[in-house]
Amino acid sequence: MRQVYLDNAATTQVSDEVLDAMLPYFNRSFGNASSLYQMGRQAAEAMEKAREQVANAIGADTKEVIFTSGGTESDNIAVIGAAHAMREHGNHIITSTIEHPAVMEPCRHLEKEGYEVTYLPVDCEGIVSLDALNDAVTPNTILISVMHVNNEIGTIQPIEEIGRVAKENDILFHTDAVQSLGKIPVDVDDLGVDLLSLSGHKIHGPKGIGALFVRKGTRVKAVEYGGGQERGLRSGTENIPGIVGMGQACEAAARDLEKNAAHMTRLRDKLIDGITKEEYVRLNGSRTMRSPNNANLSFHYIEGESLVLMLDMKGVEASTGSACSSKELQASHVLLALGMPPEQAHGSLRFTNSIYNTEEDIDYVLDVLPDIVQKLMAMSPLYKPY
């Protein structure tokens, strides 16, 4: 049976070049980067090379890159750390209704501490309203956090415009760019951000490693304490193999961006065009302002979980939404924010391709999916064929 992996927004396979770069730091150059002897110095040198690779990929200075355990920790340091650092200037935070839980949950935590949070609405394609953003800004606003590319529906937000609003009002601006690096251009100056989160395993790097861009002069407090590594913002012995892999993955993502984005876009469009020819299917999110690798669709009258399970039986691996909440039975908060009724949101399916997918993979999905959909519709008490 053919195996087709189309859940690359959840995680990606580690590339050969990343794995080759990492291997020596597991069993040969395995020193602690804080040690003064030769093996420790080798680890520190490898870490700084990786920091330069990450910085170059996003147009930053090496001193502005902090290594973390992943996107979630980067988001938490950015949101909570910036809020705590700026508390004397205000207590108001602006975010959107479709953020990743790694931003939503820190915001809810801060509300319990007395901060006020405005959750910006989005339109039916998942785009943040700039009018609503301008209306939400107050003299007490200290932070705006809006993700670059949505992890569920692939919508690309107008980050440059949001950045201008933040700068005009002297407000810190953070974006979660976990799903954008390697798919669309990411440059911290062009985007106008003060803080930007990245994750290694979304770009064919290893799990358990991420990075946070902190613009020079931006005030952020640590959210945990220890030995003071990573400029005091992320204590703990550095994960050198992961850091090396993160650096190599970022270098490859920036180097091959144009070629890879074109490949993923072709596969995405072929999949969307093929599936939306069928009845009772709608594309979720923007058709144009969309990540090159994301196709999120809703199938009327059937459950997304059933679709995932039956596709899995055919060797196709996809998801119903965010991997971080895929075991929850509630309808996606992102799809509900688009104005979609819960019963329709429950019928969503997310396909996210990568550079390793092929035209034949998409042909196979388009071959097996219609029969699965018809079988599930025939079983649905809601479906009444015309």
Protein backbone atom coordinates (compact mmCIF):
# COMPACT_ATOMS: atom_id res chain seq x y z
CA MET A 1 0.00 0.00 0.00
CA ARG A 2 1.26 3.47 -0.88
CA GLN A 3 2.21 5.68 2.10
CA VAL A 4 1.51 9.41 1.67
CA TYR A 5 2.41 11.78 4.51
CA LEU A 6 0.48 15.05 4.28
CA ASP A 7 0.65 16.41 7.82
CA ASN A 8 3.74 18.57 7.56
CA ALA A 9 2.18 21.39 9.58
CA ALA A 10 2.30 18.95 12.52
CA THR A 11 5.91 17.89 11.96
CA THR A 12 8.35 17.18 9.15
CA GLN A 13 10.96 14.54 8.45
CA VAL A 14 14.52 15.52 9.27
CA SER A 15 16.46 16.15 6.08
CA ASP A 16 19.66 14.26 5.33
CA GLU A 17 21.78 17.42 5.45
CA VAL A 18 20.38 18.32 8.86
CA LEU A 19 20.93 14.82 10.24
CA ASP A 20 24.50 14.73 8.90
CA ALA A 21 25.25 18.07 10.55
CA MET A 22 23.85 16.89 13.91
CA LEU A 23 25.43 13.42 14.22
CA PRO A 24 28.94 14.42 15.40
CA TYR A 25 27.49 16.33 18.35
CA PHE A 26 25.84 13.25 19.84
CA ASN A 27 28.90 11.04 20.30
CA ARG A 28 32.10 12.86 19.36
CA SER A 29 31.87 16.61 20.01
CA PHE A 30 29.41 16.15 22.85
CA GLY A 31 30.77 18.77 25.24
CA ASN A 32 28.84 21.31 27.29
CA ALA A 33 29.05 24.71 25.62
CA SER A 34 29.68 26.36 28.99
CA SER A 35 32.86 24.33 29.59
CA LEU A 36 36.27 25.91 29.02
CA TYR A 37 38.16 22.89 27.67
CA GLN A 38 38.43 21.94 23.99
CA MET A 39 35.27 19.87 23.62
CA GLY A 40 33.25 22.59 25.34
CA ARG A 41 34.72 25.20 23.02
CA GLN A 42 33.84 23.05 20.01
CA ALA A 43 30.23 22.90 21.20
CA ALA A 44 30.14 26.66 21.76
CA GLU A 45 31.57 27.29 18.29
CA ALA A 46 28.96 25.00 16.72
CA MET A 47 26.22 26.82 18.62
CA GLU A 48 27.38 30.22 17.44
CA LYS A 49 27.59 29.02 13.84
CA ALA A 50 24.00 27.82 14.13
CA ARG A 51 22.96 31.14 15.65
CA GLU A 52 24.43 32.88 12.62
CA GLN A 53 22.55 30.53 10.28
CA VAL A 54 19.24 31.29 12.01
CA ALA A 55 19.94 35.03 12.05
CA ASN A 56 20.80 35.05 8.33
CA ALA A 57 17.60 33.18 7.48
CA ILE A 58 15.42 35.91 9.01
CA GLY A 59 17.55 39.01 8.43
CA ALA A 60 18.55 39.41 12.08
CA ASP A 61 21.76 40.01 14.00
CA THR A 62 23.26 36.99 15.75
CA LYS A 63 22.93 38.71 19.13
CA GLU A 64 19.16 38.86 18.58
CA VAL A 65 18.67 35.05 18.35
CA ILE A 66 17.84 33.03 21.46
CA PHE A 67 17.64 29.22 21.31
CA THR A 68 14.65 27.58 23.03
CA SER A 69 13.07 24.13 23.22
CA GLY A 70 10.60 24.93 20.42
CA GLY A 71 7.85 27.22 19.18
CA THR A 72 5.76 26.91 22.33
CA GLU A 73 8.55 28.07 24.61
CA SER A 74 9.46 30.87 22.21
CA ASP A 75 5.85 32.07 22.22
CA ASN A 76 5.65 31.90 26.01
CA ILE A 77 8.86 33.86 26.53
CA ALA A 78 7.74 36.45 23.99
CA VAL A 79 4.21 36.98 25.32
CA ILE A 80 4.67 36.53 29.07
CA GLY A 81 8.23 37.87 29.17
CA ALA A 82 7.36 41.03 27.23
CA ALA A 83 4.16 41.61 29.22
CA HIS A 84 6.01 41.37 32.53
CA ALA A 85 8.83 43.60 31.31
CA MET A 86 6.40 46.29 30.11
CA ARG A 87 3.96 46.14 33.05
CA GLU A 88 4.87 49.60 34.31
CA HIS A 89 3.75 51.05 30.96
CA GLY A 90 0.39 49.33 30.74
CA ASN A 91 -1.50 46.06 31.00
CA HIS A 92 -3.27 45.70 27.65
CA ILE A 93 -2.41 43.03 25.06
CA ILE A 94 -3.89 42.56 21.58
CA THR A 95 -3.95 39.19 19.81
CA SER A 96 -6.32 37.39 17.43
CA THR A 97 -9.05 34.81 17.82
CA ILE A 98 -7.16 32.28 15.67
CA GLU A 99 -3.78 32.15 17.39
CA HIS A 100 -1.99 28.92 18.25
CA PRO A 101 -2.59 27.69 21.82
CA ALA A 102 1.03 28.59 22.57
CA VAL A 103 -0.07 32.24 22.36
CA MET A 104 -3.71 31.91 23.45
CA GLU A 105 -2.92 30.12 26.70
CA PRO A 106 -0.22 32.58 27.85
CA CYS A 107 -2.72 35.37 27.15
CA ARG A 108 -5.34 33.64 29.29
CA HIS A 109 -2.73 33.16 32.00
CA LEU A 110 -1.91 36.88 31.90
CA GLU A 111 -5.61 37.74 32.20
CA LYS A 112 -5.57 35.95 35.55
CA GLU A 113 -2.69 38.23 36.57
CA GLY A 114 -4.77 41.31 35.84
CA TYR A 115 -3.81 42.01 32.25
CA GLU A 116 -6.50 42.90 29.72
CA VAL A 117 -6.50 41.04 26.41
CA THR A 118 -8.36 42.00 23.23
CA TYR A 119 -8.94 39.11 20.82
CA LEU A 120 -9.24 40.57 17.33
CA PRO A 121 -11.90 39.10 15.03
CA VAL A 122 -11.06 37.75 11.58
CA ASP A 123 -13.08 37.75 8.38
CA CYS A 124 -14.46 34.63 6.67
CA GLU A 125 -11.02 33.91 5.18
CA GLY A 126 -9.23 34.21 8.50
CA ILE A 127 -7.65 37.64 7.94
CA VAL A 128 -7.28 39.96 10.92
CA SER A 129 -9.23 43.20 10.66
CA LEU A 130 -6.85 46.17 10.59
CA ASP A 131 -9.74 48.49 11.45
CA ALA A 132 -10.45 46.39 14.54
CA LEU A 133 -6.75 46.52 15.42
CA ASN A 134 -6.64 50.30 15.23
CA ASP A 135 -9.82 50.55 17.29
CA ALA A 136 -8.39 48.20 19.92
CA VAL A 137 -5.21 50.19 20.57
CA THR A 138 -5.28 52.14 23.83
CA PRO A 139 -2.66 54.13 25.77
CA ASN A 140 -2.24 51.01 27.95
CA THR A 141 -1.46 48.66 25.03
CA ILE A 142 2.00 47.15 25.50
CA LEU A 143 2.04 44.14 23.15
CA ILE A 144 0.48 42.91 19.91
CA SER A 145 0.86 39.22 19.01
CA VAL A 146 -0.49 37.99 15.66
CA MET A 147 0.82 34.88 13.91
CA HIS A 148 2.36 35.10 10.46
CA VAL A 149 0.81 31.96 8.93
CA ASN A 150 -2.05 30.16 10.63
CA ASN A 151 -1.20 26.56 11.48
CA GLU A 152 -4.68 25.23 10.64
CA ILE A 153 -5.96 27.11 7.61
CA GLY A 154 -2.67 28.46 6.23
CA THR A 155 -3.87 32.07 6.02
CA ILE A 156 -1.08 34.65 5.73
CA GLN A 157 -1.72 37.68 7.92
CA PRO A 158 -0.88 41.29 6.91
CA ILE A 159 2.06 41.37 9.30
CA GLU A 160 3.78 44.37 7.67
CA GLU A 161 0.65 46.50 8.12
CA ILE A 162 0.20 45.32 11.70
CA GLY A 163 3.86 46.13 12.31
CA ARG A 164 3.32 49.69 11.12
CA VAL A 165 0.40 50.13 13.51
CA ALA A 166 2.55 48.81 16.36
CA LYS A 167 5.46 51.11 15.51
CA GLU A 168 3.25 54.19 15.14
CA ASN A 169 1.88 53.56 18.63
CA ASP A 170 5.17 52.47 20.24
CA ILE A 171 3.84 48.97 20.99
CA LEU A 172 5.93 45.78 21.04
CA PHE A 173 4.99 43.41 18.24
CA HIS A 174 5.41 39.63 18.26
CA THR A 175 4.62 37.14 15.53
CA ASP A 176 4.64 33.35 15.59
CA ALA A 177 6.46 32.48 12.34
CA VAL A 178 6.62 28.73 13.00
CA GLN A 179 4.56 27.93 9.89
CA SER A 180 6.02 30.58 7.58
CA LEU A 181 9.78 30.01 7.51
CA GLY A 182 10.67 27.94 4.47
CA LYS A 183 7.32 28.65 2.79
CA ILE A 184 7.24 32.44 2.40
CA PRO A 185 9.86 35.17 2.92
CA VAL A 186 10.60 35.97 6.56
CA ASP A 187 12.61 39.13 7.27
CA VAL A 188 12.27 40.74 10.67
CA ASP A 189 12.85 44.25 9.36
CA ASP A 190 10.39 43.92 6.48
CA LEU A 191 7.79 42.49 8.87
CA GLY A 192 8.42 45.19 11.47
CA VAL A 193 8.48 42.77 14.41
CA ASP A 194 10.26 43.04 17.74
CA LEU A 195 9.84 39.35 18.61
CA LEU A 196 9.50 36.34 16.30
CA SER A 197 9.14 32.64 17.13
CA LEU A 198 10.55 29.69 15.17
CA SER A 199 10.50 25.90 15.50
CA GLY A 200 13.00 23.38 14.14
CA HIS A 201 10.75 20.42 13.43
CA LYS A 202 8.46 22.37 11.08
CA ILE A 203 11.32 22.99 8.63
CA HIS A 204 12.89 19.50 8.37
CA GLY A 205 14.93 20.02 11.52
CA PRO A 206 14.77 18.07 14.79
CA LYS A 207 12.09 18.23 17.47
CA GLY A 208 12.80 19.88 20.81
CA ILE A 209 14.54 22.97 19.45
CA GLY A 210 13.32 26.43 18.49
CA ALA A 211 14.45 30.02 18.42
CA LEU A 212 13.19 33.43 19.44
CA PHE A 213 14.22 36.63 17.73
CA VAL A 214 14.44 39.49 20.25
CA ARG A 215 15.18 42.82 18.59
CA LYS A 216 18.01 44.77 20.19
CA GLY A 217 16.62 47.04 22.89
CA THR A 218 13.40 45.04 23.37
CA ARG A 219 12.63 44.42 27.03
CA VAL A 220 11.76 40.83 27.90
CA LYS A 221 11.87 39.11 31.30
CA ALA A 222 12.78 35.48 31.76
CA VAL A 223 9.89 33.14 32.58
CA GLU A 224 12.14 30.52 34.22
CA TYR A 225 15.43 30.78 36.07
CA GLY A 226 18.69 28.87 36.28
CA GLY A 227 22.24 29.23 35.02
CA GLY A 228 21.54 32.24 32.83
CA GLN A 229 22.27 30.69 29.44
CA GLU A 230 20.95 32.34 26.28
CA ARG A 231 21.43 35.83 27.65
CA GLY A 232 19.42 35.00 30.74
CA LEU A 233 16.19 34.37 28.82
CA ARG A 234 16.42 30.58 28.54
CA SER A 235 18.50 28.91 31.23
CA GLY A 236 19.63 25.31 30.94
CA THR A 237 22.41 23.37 29.24
CA GLU A 238 22.13 24.02 25.52
CA ASN A 239 20.89 21.24 23.24
CA ILE A 240 23.88 21.36 20.89
CA PRO A 241 22.79 18.62 18.43
CA GLY A 242 19.35 20.24 18.20
CA ILE A 243 20.82 23.71 17.84
CA VAL A 244 23.15 22.55 15.07
CA GLY A 245 20.19 20.90 13.32
CA MET A 246 18.09 24.04 13.73
CA GLY A 247 20.82 26.14 12.17
CA GLN A 248 21.24 23.84 9.19
CA ALA A 249 17.47 23.60 8.68
CA CYS A 250 17.14 27.40 8.70
CA GLU A 251 19.99 27.77 6.21
CA ALA A 252 18.35 25.27 3.86
CA ALA A 253 14.91 26.85 4.28
CA ALA A 254 16.20 30.27 3.24
CA ARG A 255 18.53 28.95 0.53
CA ASP A 256 15.89 26.85 -1.25
CA LEU A 257 12.84 29.00 -0.52
CA GLU A 258 11.90 29.95 -4.08
CA LYS A 259 12.28 26.43 -5.48
CA ASN A 260 10.55 24.72 -2.58
CA ALA A 261 7.66 27.19 -2.41
CA ALA A 262 6.96 26.73 -6.12
CA HIS A 263 6.93 22.93 -5.72
CA MET A 264 4.63 23.00 -2.70
CA THR A 265 2.28 25.49 -4.35
CA ARG A 266 1.86 23.23 -7.40
CA LEU A 267 0.94 20.29 -5.19
CA ARG A 268 -1.37 22.41 -3.02
CA ASP A 269 -3.27 23.81 -5.99
CA LYS A 270 -3.60 20.43 -7.65
CA LEU A 271 -5.05 19.01 -4.43
CA ILE A 272 -7.44 21.91 -3.83
CA ASP A 273 -8.66 21.99 -7.43
CA GLY A 274 -9.20 18.25 -7.46
CA ILE A 275 -11.07 18.03 -4.16
CA THR A 276 -13.27 21.11 -4.61
CA LYS A 277 -14.66 19.65 -7.83
CA GLU A 278 -16.69 17.35 -5.61
CA GLU A 279 -20.02 18.34 -4.04
CA TYR A 280 -20.39 19.52 -0.44
CA VAL A 281 -16.77 20.65 -0.06
CA ARG A 282 -15.45 24.12 0.75
CA LEU A 283 -11.96 25.53 1.09
CA ASN A 284 -11.24 27.07 4.49
CA GLY A 285 -9.13 30.21 4.56
CA SER A 286 -7.94 32.48 1.78
CA ARG A 287 -7.39 31.09 -1.71
CA THR A 288 -4.67 33.64 -2.46
CA MET A 289 -3.17 34.75 0.88
CA ARG A 290 -2.28 31.18 1.76
CA SER A 291 0.78 29.16 2.71
CA PRO A 292 2.16 27.23 -0.27
CA ASN A 293 1.72 23.87 1.46
CA ASN A 294 -1.69 24.14 3.14
CA ALA A 295 -5.06 22.84 1.96
CA ASN A 296 -7.75 22.92 4.65
CA LEU A 297 -11.21 21.80 3.52
CA SER A 298 -14.58 21.11 5.12
CA PHE A 299 -16.77 18.22 4.02
CA HIS A 300 -20.45 18.68 4.80
CA TYR A 301 -22.36 16.02 6.73
CA ILE A 302 -19.34 13.96 7.82
CA GLU A 303 -16.79 13.98 10.66
CA GLY A 304 -13.19 14.94 10.05
CA GLU A 305 -12.02 12.23 12.47
CA SER A 306 -13.71 9.57 10.35
CA LEU A 307 -12.06 10.94 7.24
CA VAL A 308 -8.64 10.83 8.92
CA LEU A 309 -9.13 7.22 10.06
CA MET A 310 -10.36 5.96 6.69
CA LEU A 311 -7.58 7.80 4.84
CA ASP A 312 -5.09 6.22 7.22
CA MET A 313 -6.41 2.80 6.20
CA LYS A 314 -5.44 3.75 2.63
CA GLY A 315 -1.99 4.94 3.70
CA VAL A 316 -2.75 8.67 3.61
CA GLU A 317 -1.79 10.63 6.73
CA ALA A 318 -3.57 13.95 7.25
CA SER A 319 -5.23 15.70 10.20
CA THR A 320 -8.37 17.50 11.28
CA GLY A 321 -6.52 20.59 12.44
CA SER A 322 -3.69 21.55 14.77
CA ALA A 323 -1.60 18.63 16.05
CA CYS A 324 -1.45 20.36 19.43
CA SER A 325 -5.22 19.96 19.88
CA SER A 326 -6.02 17.04 17.56
CA LYS A 327 -7.12 14.81 20.46
CA GLU A 328 -9.73 17.34 21.57
CA LEU A 329 -13.33 16.68 20.56
CA GLN A 330 -14.31 20.34 20.34
CA ALA A 331 -14.62 22.01 16.97
CA SER A 332 -11.58 24.01 15.89
CA HIS A 333 -11.53 27.48 17.46
CA VAL A 334 -9.97 28.74 14.22
CA LEU A 335 -12.84 27.52 12.02
CA LEU A 336 -15.44 28.75 14.49
CA ALA A 337 -13.78 32.18 14.38
CA LEU A 338 -14.39 32.24 10.62
CA GLY A 339 -18.11 32.05 11.35
CA MET A 340 -18.43 28.39 10.46
CA PRO A 341 -21.17 26.40 12.24
CA PRO A 342 -19.80 23.71 14.61
CA GLU A 343 -21.19 20.79 12.61
CA GLN A 344 -19.35 22.00 9.51
CA ALA A 345 -16.18 22.76 11.44
CA HIS A 346 -16.15 19.16 12.68
CA GLY A 347 -15.92 18.02 9.06
CA SER A 348 -12.60 19.69 8.37
CA LEU A 349 -9.49 18.05 6.95
CA ARG A 350 -6.02 19.57 6.73
CA PHE A 351 -3.50 18.44 4.13
CA THR A 352 -0.02 20.00 4.39
CA ASN A 353 2.61 18.92 1.90
CA SER A 354 6.39 19.30 1.88
CA ILE A 355 9.34 19.23 -0.46
CA TYR A 356 9.32 15.43 -0.19
CA ASN A 357 5.82 15.00 -1.60
CA THR A 358 5.25 14.26 -5.29
CA GLU A 359 2.60 14.68 -7.97
CA GLU A 360 1.95 10.94 -7.63
CA ASP A 361 1.14 11.44 -3.94
CA ILE A 362 -1.54 13.97 -4.83
CA ASP A 363 -2.92 11.76 -7.62
CA TYR A 364 -3.26 8.93 -5.12
CA VAL A 365 -5.16 11.11 -2.62
CA LEU A 366 -7.49 12.36 -5.35
CA ASP A 367 -8.08 8.76 -6.35
CA VAL A 368 -8.98 7.34 -2.92
CA LEU A 369 -10.68 10.32 -1.25
CA PRO A 370 -13.96 10.52 -3.27
CA ASP A 371 -15.00 6.97 -2.41
CA ILE A 372 -14.27 7.55 1.26
CA VAL A 373 -16.33 10.76 1.26
CA GLN A 374 -19.26 9.04 -0.47
CA LYS A 375 -19.23 6.15 1.99
CA LEU A 376 -19.23 8.47 4.98
CA MET A 377 -21.95 10.69 3.51
CA ALA A 378 -24.13 7.66 2.89
CA MET A 379 -23.79 6.77 6.58
CA SER A 380 -24.58 10.30 7.79
CA PRO A 381 -28.09 10.97 9.14
CA LEU A 382 -27.69 14.61 8.03
CA TYR A 383 -27.02 13.88 4.37
CA LYS A 384 -30.02 13.91 2.04
CA PRO A 385 -28.99 13.46 -1.62
CA TYR A 386 -30.80 15.64 -4.12
